[in-house]
Amino acid sequence: MKAKDFDKKFDDGQSIIDDLDLSKARRPKHEQRRVNVDFPVWMIHSLDKEAQRLGVPRQSIIKLWIAEKLEKTSR
């Protein structure tokens, strides 16, 4: 598909999602990198309890709380 046809389709409000190859799409500054952190057992139990209460994985709680703290400190 030519760029002008793609632009027209988008401008006309038609869906272009099927015309995109999202297999290699990346969000700048949102790439992931694995890190290992050791937590005391009591902290893991507390994280698991909160994660279970919210119905999300432990990792989600950790990411959310760290993101909230970083957001507060960057203001």
PDB file of N, CA and C in Angstrom:
ATOM      1  N   MET A   1       0.844  -1.168   0.000  1.00  0.00           N
ATOM      2  CA  MET A   1       0.000   0.000   0.000  1.00  0.00           C
ATOM      3  C   MET A   1       0.896   1.241   0.000  1.00  0.00           C
ATOM      4  N   LYS A   2       0.523   2.185  -0.817  1.00  0.00           N
ATOM      5  CA  LYS A   2       1.287   3.425  -0.892  1.00  0.00           C
ATOM      6  C   LYS A   2       0.969   4.304   0.311  1.00  0.00           C
ATOM      7  N   ALA A   3       1.916   5.153   0.659  1.00  0.00           N
ATOM      8  CA  ALA A   3       1.765   6.014   1.827  1.00  0.00           C
ATOM      9  C   ALA A   3       0.537   6.911   1.714  1.00  0.00           C
ATOM     10  N   LYS A   4       0.274   7.437   0.522  1.00  0.00           N
ATOM     11  CA  LYS A   4      -0.871   8.345   0.391  1.00  0.00           C
ATOM     12  C   LYS A   4      -2.185   7.585   0.591  1.00  0.00           C
ATOM     13  N   ASP A   5      -2.240   6.311   0.161  1.00  0.00           N
ATOM     14  CA  ASP A   5      -3.436   5.496   0.374  1.00  0.00           C
ATOM     15  C   ASP A   5      -3.613   5.175   1.866  1.00  0.00           C
ATOM     16  N   PHE A   6      -2.493   4.889   2.515  1.00  0.00           N
ATOM     17  CA  PHE A   6      -2.505   4.622   3.958  1.00  0.00           C
ATOM     18  C   PHE A   6      -2.997   5.856   4.709  1.00  0.00           C
ATOM     19  N   ASP A   7      -2.442   7.023   4.369  1.00  0.00           N
ATOM     20  CA  ASP A   7      -2.837   8.278   5.010  1.00  0.00           C
ATOM     21  C   ASP A   7      -4.317   8.574   4.793  1.00  0.00           C
ATOM     22  N   LYS A   8      -4.788   8.340   3.589  1.00  0.00           N
ATOM     23  CA  LYS A   8      -6.200   8.609   3.279  1.00  0.00           C
ATOM     24  C   LYS A   8      -7.105   7.694   4.104  1.00  0.00           C
ATOM     25  N   LYS A   9      -6.724   6.440   4.182  1.00  0.00           N
ATOM     26  CA  LYS A   9      -7.506   5.479   4.967  1.00  0.00           C
ATOM     27  C   LYS A   9      -7.580   5.933   6.425  1.00  0.00           C
ATOM     28  N   PHE A  10      -6.442   6.345   6.966  1.00  0.00           N
ATOM     29  CA  PHE A  10      -6.388   6.832   8.351  1.00  0.00           C
ATOM     30  C   PHE A  10      -7.230   8.099   8.503  1.00  0.00           C
ATOM     31  N   ASP A  11      -7.044   9.050   7.608  1.00  0.00           N
ATOM     32  CA  ASP A  11      -7.774  10.318   7.671  1.00  0.00           C
ATOM     33  C   ASP A  11      -9.282  10.130   7.535  1.00  0.00           C
ATOM     34  N   ASP A  12      -9.677   9.093   6.801  1.00  0.00           N
ATOM     35  CA  ASP A  12     -11.106   8.805   6.625  1.00  0.00           C
ATOM     36  C   ASP A  12     -11.698   8.061   7.818  1.00  0.00           C
ATOM     37  N   GLY A  13     -10.867   7.780   8.813  1.00  0.00           N
ATOM     38  CA  GLY A  13     -11.348   7.115  10.021  1.00  0.00           C
ATOM     39  C   GLY A  13     -11.459   5.607   9.907  1.00  0.00           C
ATOM     40  N   GLN A  14     -10.887   5.047   8.847  1.00  0.00           N
ATOM     41  CA  GLN A  14     -10.906   3.599   8.685  1.00  0.00           C
ATOM     42  C   GLN A  14      -9.810   2.971   9.538  1.00  0.00           C
ATOM     43  N   SER A  15     -10.031   1.738   9.932  1.00  0.00           N
ATOM     44  CA  SER A  15      -9.025   1.023  10.715  1.00  0.00           C
ATOM     45  C   SER A  15      -7.811   0.709   9.844  1.00  0.00           C
ATOM     46  N   ILE A  16      -6.635   0.998  10.378  1.00  0.00           N
ATOM     47  CA  ILE A  16      -5.391   0.694   9.664  1.00  0.00           C
ATOM     48  C   ILE A  16      -4.613  -0.422  10.362  1.00  0.00           C
ATOM     49  N   ILE A  17      -5.174  -0.960  11.432  1.00  0.00           N
ATOM     50  CA  ILE A  17      -4.445  -1.933  12.242  1.00  0.00           C
ATOM     51  C   ILE A  17      -4.022  -3.160  11.438  1.00  0.00           C
ATOM     52  N   ASP A  18      -4.872  -3.591  10.498  1.00  0.00           N
ATOM     53  CA  ASP A  18      -4.521  -4.763   9.690  1.00  0.00           C
ATOM     54  C   ASP A  18      -3.428  -4.458   8.669  1.00  0.00           C
ATOM     55  N   ASP A  19      -3.158  -3.191   8.442  1.00  0.00           N
ATOM     56  CA  ASP A  19      -2.124  -2.790   7.490  1.00  0.00           C
ATOM     57  C   ASP A  19      -0.759  -2.606   8.153  1.00  0.00           C
ATOM     58  N   LEU A  20      -0.704  -2.783   9.460  1.00  0.00           N
ATOM     59  CA  LEU A  20       0.544  -2.575  10.208  1.00  0.00           C
ATOM     60  C   LEU A  20       1.160  -3.904  10.601  1.00  0.00           C
ATOM     61  N   ASP A  21       2.475  -3.957  10.624  1.00  0.00           N
ATOM     62  CA  ASP A  21       3.208  -5.107  11.144  1.00  0.00           C
ATOM     63  C   ASP A  21       3.665  -4.744  12.549  1.00  0.00           C
ATOM     64  N   LEU A  22       2.924  -5.214  13.548  1.00  0.00           N
ATOM     65  CA  LEU A  22       3.215  -4.856  14.933  1.00  0.00           C
ATOM     66  C   LEU A  22       4.163  -5.841  15.612  1.00  0.00           C
ATOM     67  N   SER A  23       4.645  -6.827  14.872  1.00  0.00           N
ATOM     68  CA  SER A  23       5.490  -7.858  15.480  1.00  0.00           C
ATOM     69  C   SER A  23       6.799  -7.304  16.043  1.00  0.00           C
ATOM     70  N   LYS A  24       7.262  -6.186  15.509  1.00  0.00           N
ATOM     71  CA  LYS A  24       8.515  -5.611  15.994  1.00  0.00           C
ATOM     72  C   LYS A  24       8.322  -4.206  16.554  1.00  0.00           C
ATOM     73  N   ALA A  25       7.079  -3.870  16.864  1.00  0.00           N
ATOM     74  CA  ALA A  25       6.790  -2.540  17.407  1.00  0.00           C
ATOM     75  C   ALA A  25       7.397  -2.415  18.804  1.00  0.00           C
ATOM     76  N   ARG A  26       7.928  -1.277  19.104  1.00  0.00           N
ATOM     77  CA  ARG A  26       8.540  -1.002  20.407  1.00  0.00           C
ATOM     78  C   ARG A  26       8.075   0.349  20.902  1.00  0.00           C
ATOM     79  N   ARG A  27       8.008   0.490  22.212  1.00  0.00           N
ATOM     80  CA  ARG A  27       7.682   1.771  22.815  1.00  0.00           C
ATOM     81  C   ARG A  27       8.980   2.359  23.357  1.00  0.00           C
ATOM     82  N   PRO A  28       9.420   3.472  22.803  1.00  0.00           N
ATOM     83  CA  PRO A  28      10.677   4.071  23.279  1.00  0.00           C
ATOM     84  C   PRO A  28      10.648   4.304  24.795  1.00  0.00           C
ATOM     85  N   LYS A  29      11.748   4.016  25.416  1.00  0.00           N
ATOM     86  CA  LYS A  29      11.941   4.156  26.860  1.00  0.00           C
ATOM     87  C   LYS A  29      11.058   3.214  27.678  1.00  0.00           C
ATOM     88  N   HIS A  30      10.435   2.231  27.029  1.00  0.00           N
ATOM     89  CA  HIS A  30       9.640   1.249  27.746  1.00  0.00           C
ATOM     90  C   HIS A  30      10.157  -0.172  27.525  1.00  0.00           C
ATOM     91  N   GLU A  31      11.367  -0.283  26.973  1.00  0.00           N
ATOM     92  CA  GLU A  31      11.942  -1.604  26.806  1.00  0.00           C
ATOM     93  C   GLU A  31      12.115  -2.221  28.187  1.00  0.00           C
ATOM     94  N   GLN A  32      12.024  -3.534  28.238  1.00  0.00           N
ATOM     95  CA  GLN A  32      12.139  -4.205  29.524  1.00  0.00           C
ATOM     96  C   GLN A  32      13.521  -4.816  29.683  1.00  0.00           C
ATOM     97  N   ARG A  33      13.962  -4.821  30.916  1.00  0.00           N
ATOM     98  CA  ARG A  33      15.232  -5.452  31.254  1.00  0.00           C
ATOM     99  C   ARG A  33      15.048  -6.160  32.583  1.00  0.00           C
ATOM    100  N   ARG A  34      15.510  -7.372  32.662  1.00  0.00           N
ATOM    101  CA  ARG A  34      15.338  -8.178  33.870  1.00  0.00           C
ATOM    102  C   ARG A  34      16.351  -7.763  34.937  1.00  0.00           C
ATOM    103  N   VAL A  35      15.845  -7.644  36.162  1.00  0.00           N
ATOM    104  CA  VAL A  35      16.714  -7.398  37.314  1.00  0.00           C
ATOM    105  C   VAL A  35      16.321  -8.387  38.411  1.00  0.00           C
ATOM    106  N   ASN A  36      17.274  -8.738  39.220  1.00  0.00           N
ATOM    107  CA  ASN A  36      17.015  -9.628  40.350  1.00  0.00           C
ATOM    108  C   ASN A  36      17.132  -8.832  41.637  1.00  0.00           C
ATOM    109  N   VAL A  37      16.149  -8.977  42.486  1.00  0.00           N
ATOM    110  CA  VAL A  37      16.144  -8.291  43.770  1.00  0.00           C
ATOM    111  C   VAL A  37      15.819  -9.309  44.846  1.00  0.00           C
ATOM    112  N   ASP A  38      16.596  -9.314  45.902  1.00  0.00           N
ATOM    113  CA  ASP A  38      16.333 -10.209  47.026  1.00  0.00           C
ATOM    114  C   ASP A  38      15.526  -9.461  48.076  1.00  0.00           C
ATOM    115  N   PHE A  39      14.404 -10.045  48.480  1.00  0.00           N
ATOM    116  CA  PHE A  39      13.543  -9.465  49.506  1.00  0.00           C
ATOM    117  C   PHE A  39      13.516 -10.379  50.718  1.00  0.00           C
ATOM    118  N   PRO A  40      13.362  -9.810  51.905  1.00  0.00           N
ATOM    119  CA  PRO A  40      13.168 -10.649  53.087  1.00  0.00           C
ATOM    120  C   PRO A  40      11.835 -11.412  52.959  1.00  0.00           C
ATOM    121  N   VAL A  41      11.761 -12.573  53.591  1.00  0.00           N
ATOM    122  CA  VAL A  41      10.573 -13.424  53.484  1.00  0.00           C
ATOM    123  C   VAL A  41       9.317 -12.690  53.930  1.00  0.00           C
ATOM    124  N   TRP A  42       9.405 -11.896  55.016  1.00  0.00           N
ATOM    125  CA  TRP A  42       8.212 -11.193  55.498  1.00  0.00           C
ATOM    126  C   TRP A  42       7.670 -10.239  54.436  1.00  0.00           C
ATOM    127  N   MET A  43       8.580  -9.639  53.656  1.00  0.00           N
ATOM    128  CA  MET A  43       8.175  -8.702  52.625  1.00  0.00           C
ATOM    129  C   MET A  43       7.487  -9.437  51.471  1.00  0.00           C
ATOM    130  N   ILE A  44       8.005 -10.594  51.119  1.00  0.00           N
ATOM    131  CA  ILE A  44       7.385 -11.402  50.067  1.00  0.00           C
ATOM    132  C   ILE A  44       5.981 -11.820  50.477  1.00  0.00           C
ATOM    133  N   HIS A  45       5.822 -12.216  51.738  1.00  0.00           N
ATOM    134  CA  HIS A  45       4.491 -12.586  52.224  1.00  0.00           C
ATOM    135  C   HIS A  45       3.528 -11.399  52.129  1.00  0.00           C
ATOM    136  N   SER A  46       3.998 -10.235  52.502  1.00  0.00           N
ATOM    137  CA  SER A  46       3.150  -9.041  52.420  1.00  0.00           C
ATOM    138  C   SER A  46       2.804  -8.703  50.976  1.00  0.00           C
ATOM    139  N   LEU A  47       3.778  -8.798  50.090  1.00  0.00           N
ATOM    140  CA  LEU A  47       3.534  -8.555  48.662  1.00  0.00           C
ATOM    141  C   LEU A  47       2.521  -9.546  48.105  1.00  0.00           C
ATOM    142  N   ASP A  48       2.697 -10.819  48.464  1.00  0.00           N
ATOM    143  CA  ASP A  48       1.778 -11.844  47.974  1.00  0.00           C
ATOM    144  C   ASP A  48       0.355 -11.627  48.494  1.00  0.00           C
ATOM    145  N   LYS A  49       0.251 -11.225  49.735  1.00  0.00           N
ATOM    146  CA  LYS A  49      -1.072 -10.971  50.319  1.00  0.00           C
ATOM    147  C   LYS A  49      -1.772  -9.833  49.582  1.00  0.00           C
ATOM    148  N   GLU A  50      -1.048  -8.753  49.317  1.00  0.00           N
ATOM    149  CA  GLU A  50      -1.624  -7.612  48.605  1.00  0.00           C
ATOM    150  C   GLU A  50      -1.933  -7.968  47.150  1.00  0.00           C
ATOM    151  N   ALA A  51      -1.049  -8.720  46.519  1.00  0.00           N
ATOM    152  CA  ALA A  51      -1.283  -9.141  45.140  1.00  0.00           C
ATOM    153  C   ALA A  51      -2.530 -10.019  45.057  1.00  0.00           C
ATOM    154  N   GLN A  52      -2.683 -10.920  45.999  1.00  0.00           N
ATOM    155  CA  GLN A  52      -3.866 -11.789  46.010  1.00  0.00           C
ATOM    156  C   GLN A  52      -5.135 -10.969  46.246  1.00  0.00           C
ATOM    157  N   ARG A  53      -5.060  -9.998  47.137  1.00  0.00           N
ATOM    158  CA  ARG A  53      -6.212  -9.146  47.413  1.00  0.00           C
ATOM    159  C   ARG A  53      -6.658  -8.408  46.155  1.00  0.00           C
ATOM    160  N   LEU A  54      -5.696  -7.946  45.364  1.00  0.00           N
ATOM    161  CA  LEU A  54      -6.004  -7.205  44.144  1.00  0.00           C
ATOM    162  C   LEU A  54      -6.202  -8.106  42.923  1.00  0.00           C
ATOM    163  N   GLY A  55      -5.842  -9.375  43.058  1.00  0.00           N
ATOM    164  CA  GLY A  55      -5.994 -10.314  41.949  1.00  0.00           C
ATOM    165  C   GLY A  55      -4.993 -10.113  40.834  1.00  0.00           C
ATOM    166  N   VAL A  56      -3.776  -9.723  41.217  1.00  0.00           N
ATOM    167  CA  VAL A  56      -2.711  -9.502  40.231  1.00  0.00           C
ATOM    168  C   VAL A  56      -1.457 -10.243  40.673  1.00  0.00           C
ATOM    169  N   PRO A  57      -0.510 -10.459  39.765  1.00  0.00           N
ATOM    170  CA  PRO A  57       0.748 -11.109  40.157  1.00  0.00           C
ATOM    171  C   PRO A  57       1.605 -10.208  41.057  1.00  0.00           C
ATOM    172  N   ARG A  58       2.441 -10.830  41.827  1.00  0.00           N
ATOM    173  CA  ARG A  58       3.354 -10.104  42.722  1.00  0.00           C
ATOM    174  C   ARG A  58       4.172  -9.072  41.951  1.00  0.00           C
ATOM    175  N   GLN A  59       4.644  -9.444  40.779  1.00  0.00           N
ATOM    176  CA  GLN A  59       5.478  -8.544  39.991  1.00  0.00           C
ATOM    177  C   GLN A  59       4.736  -7.240  39.660  1.00  0.00           C
ATOM    178  N   SER A  60       3.436  -7.334  39.437  1.00  0.00           N
ATOM    179  CA  SER A  60       2.654  -6.133  39.131  1.00  0.00           C
ATOM    180  C   SER A  60       2.636  -5.164  40.306  1.00  0.00           C
ATOM    181  N   ILE A  61       2.503  -5.683  41.497  1.00  0.00           N
ATOM    182  CA  ILE A  61       2.510  -4.836  42.700  1.00  0.00           C
ATOM    183  C   ILE A  61       3.866  -4.138  42.827  1.00  0.00           C
ATOM    184  N   ILE A  62       4.919  -4.898  42.651  1.00  0.00           N
ATOM    185  CA  ILE A  62       6.265  -4.328  42.776  1.00  0.00           C
ATOM    186  C   ILE A  62       6.472  -3.219  41.749  1.00  0.00           C
ATOM    187  N   LYS A  63       6.116  -3.482  40.492  1.00  0.00           N
ATOM    188  CA  LYS A  63       6.280  -2.467  39.446  1.00  0.00           C
ATOM    189  C   LYS A  63       5.452  -1.222  39.738  1.00  0.00           C
ATOM    190  N   LEU A  64       4.210  -1.436  40.144  1.00  0.00           N
ATOM    191  CA  LEU A  64       3.326  -0.312  40.421  1.00  0.00           C
ATOM    192  C   LEU A  64       3.870   0.556  41.547  1.00  0.00           C
ATOM    193  N   TRP A  65       4.260  -0.055  42.648  1.00  0.00           N
ATOM    194  CA  TRP A  65       4.743   0.722  43.789  1.00  0.00           C
ATOM    195  C   TRP A  65       6.048   1.438  43.483  1.00  0.00           C
ATOM    196  N   ILE A  66       6.932   0.810  42.761  1.00  0.00           N
ATOM    197  CA  ILE A  66       8.183   1.471  42.388  1.00  0.00           C
ATOM    198  C   ILE A  66       7.897   2.636  41.445  1.00  0.00           C
ATOM    199  N   ALA A  67       7.005   2.426  40.481  1.00  0.00           N
ATOM    200  CA  ALA A  67       6.645   3.501  39.546  1.00  0.00           C
ATOM    201  C   ALA A  67       6.030   4.682  40.287  1.00  0.00           C
ATOM    202  N   GLU A  68       5.147   4.400  41.256  1.00  0.00           N
ATOM    203  CA  GLU A  68       4.529   5.482  42.035  1.00  0.00           C
ATOM    204  C   GLU A  68       5.587   6.272  42.805  1.00  0.00           C
ATOM    205  N   LYS A  69       6.515   5.582  43.407  1.00  0.00           N
ATOM    206  CA  LYS A  69       7.570   6.246  44.177  1.00  0.00           C
ATOM    207  C   LYS A  69       8.461   7.084  43.270  1.00  0.00           C
ATOM    208  N   LEU A  70       8.832   6.539  42.142  1.00  0.00           N
ATOM    209  CA  LEU A  70       9.683   7.280  41.202  1.00  0.00           C
ATOM    210  C   LEU A  70       8.962   8.514  40.659  1.00  0.00           C
ATOM    211  N   GLU A  71       7.671   8.370  40.424  1.00  0.00           N
ATOM    212  CA  GLU A  71       6.880   9.502  39.935  1.00  0.00           C
ATOM    213  C   GLU A  71       6.845  10.632  40.957  1.00  0.00           C
ATOM    214  N   LYS A  72       6.686  10.266  42.227  1.00  0.00           N
ATOM    215  CA  LYS A  72       6.651  11.273  43.301  1.00  0.00           C
ATOM    216  C   LYS A  72       7.992  11.959  43.452  1.00  0.00           C
ATOM    217  N   THR A  73       9.075  11.221  43.323  1.00  0.00           N
ATOM    218  CA  THR A  73      10.384  11.818  43.533  1.00  0.00           C
ATOM    219  C   THR A  73      10.877  12.634  42.353  1.00  0.00           C
ATOM    220  N   SER A  74      10.256  12.423  41.181  1.00  0.00           N
ATOM    221  CA  SER A  74      10.710  13.169  39.997  1.00  0.00           C
ATOM    222  C   SER A  74       9.997  14.502  39.834  1.00  0.00           C
ATOM    223  N   ARG A  75       9.089  14.830  40.705  1.00  0.00           N
ATOM    224  CA  ARG A  75       8.356  16.096  40.601  1.00  0.00           C
ATOM    225  C   ARG A  75       9.159  17.244  41.122  1.00  0.00           C
TER     226      ARG A  75
END
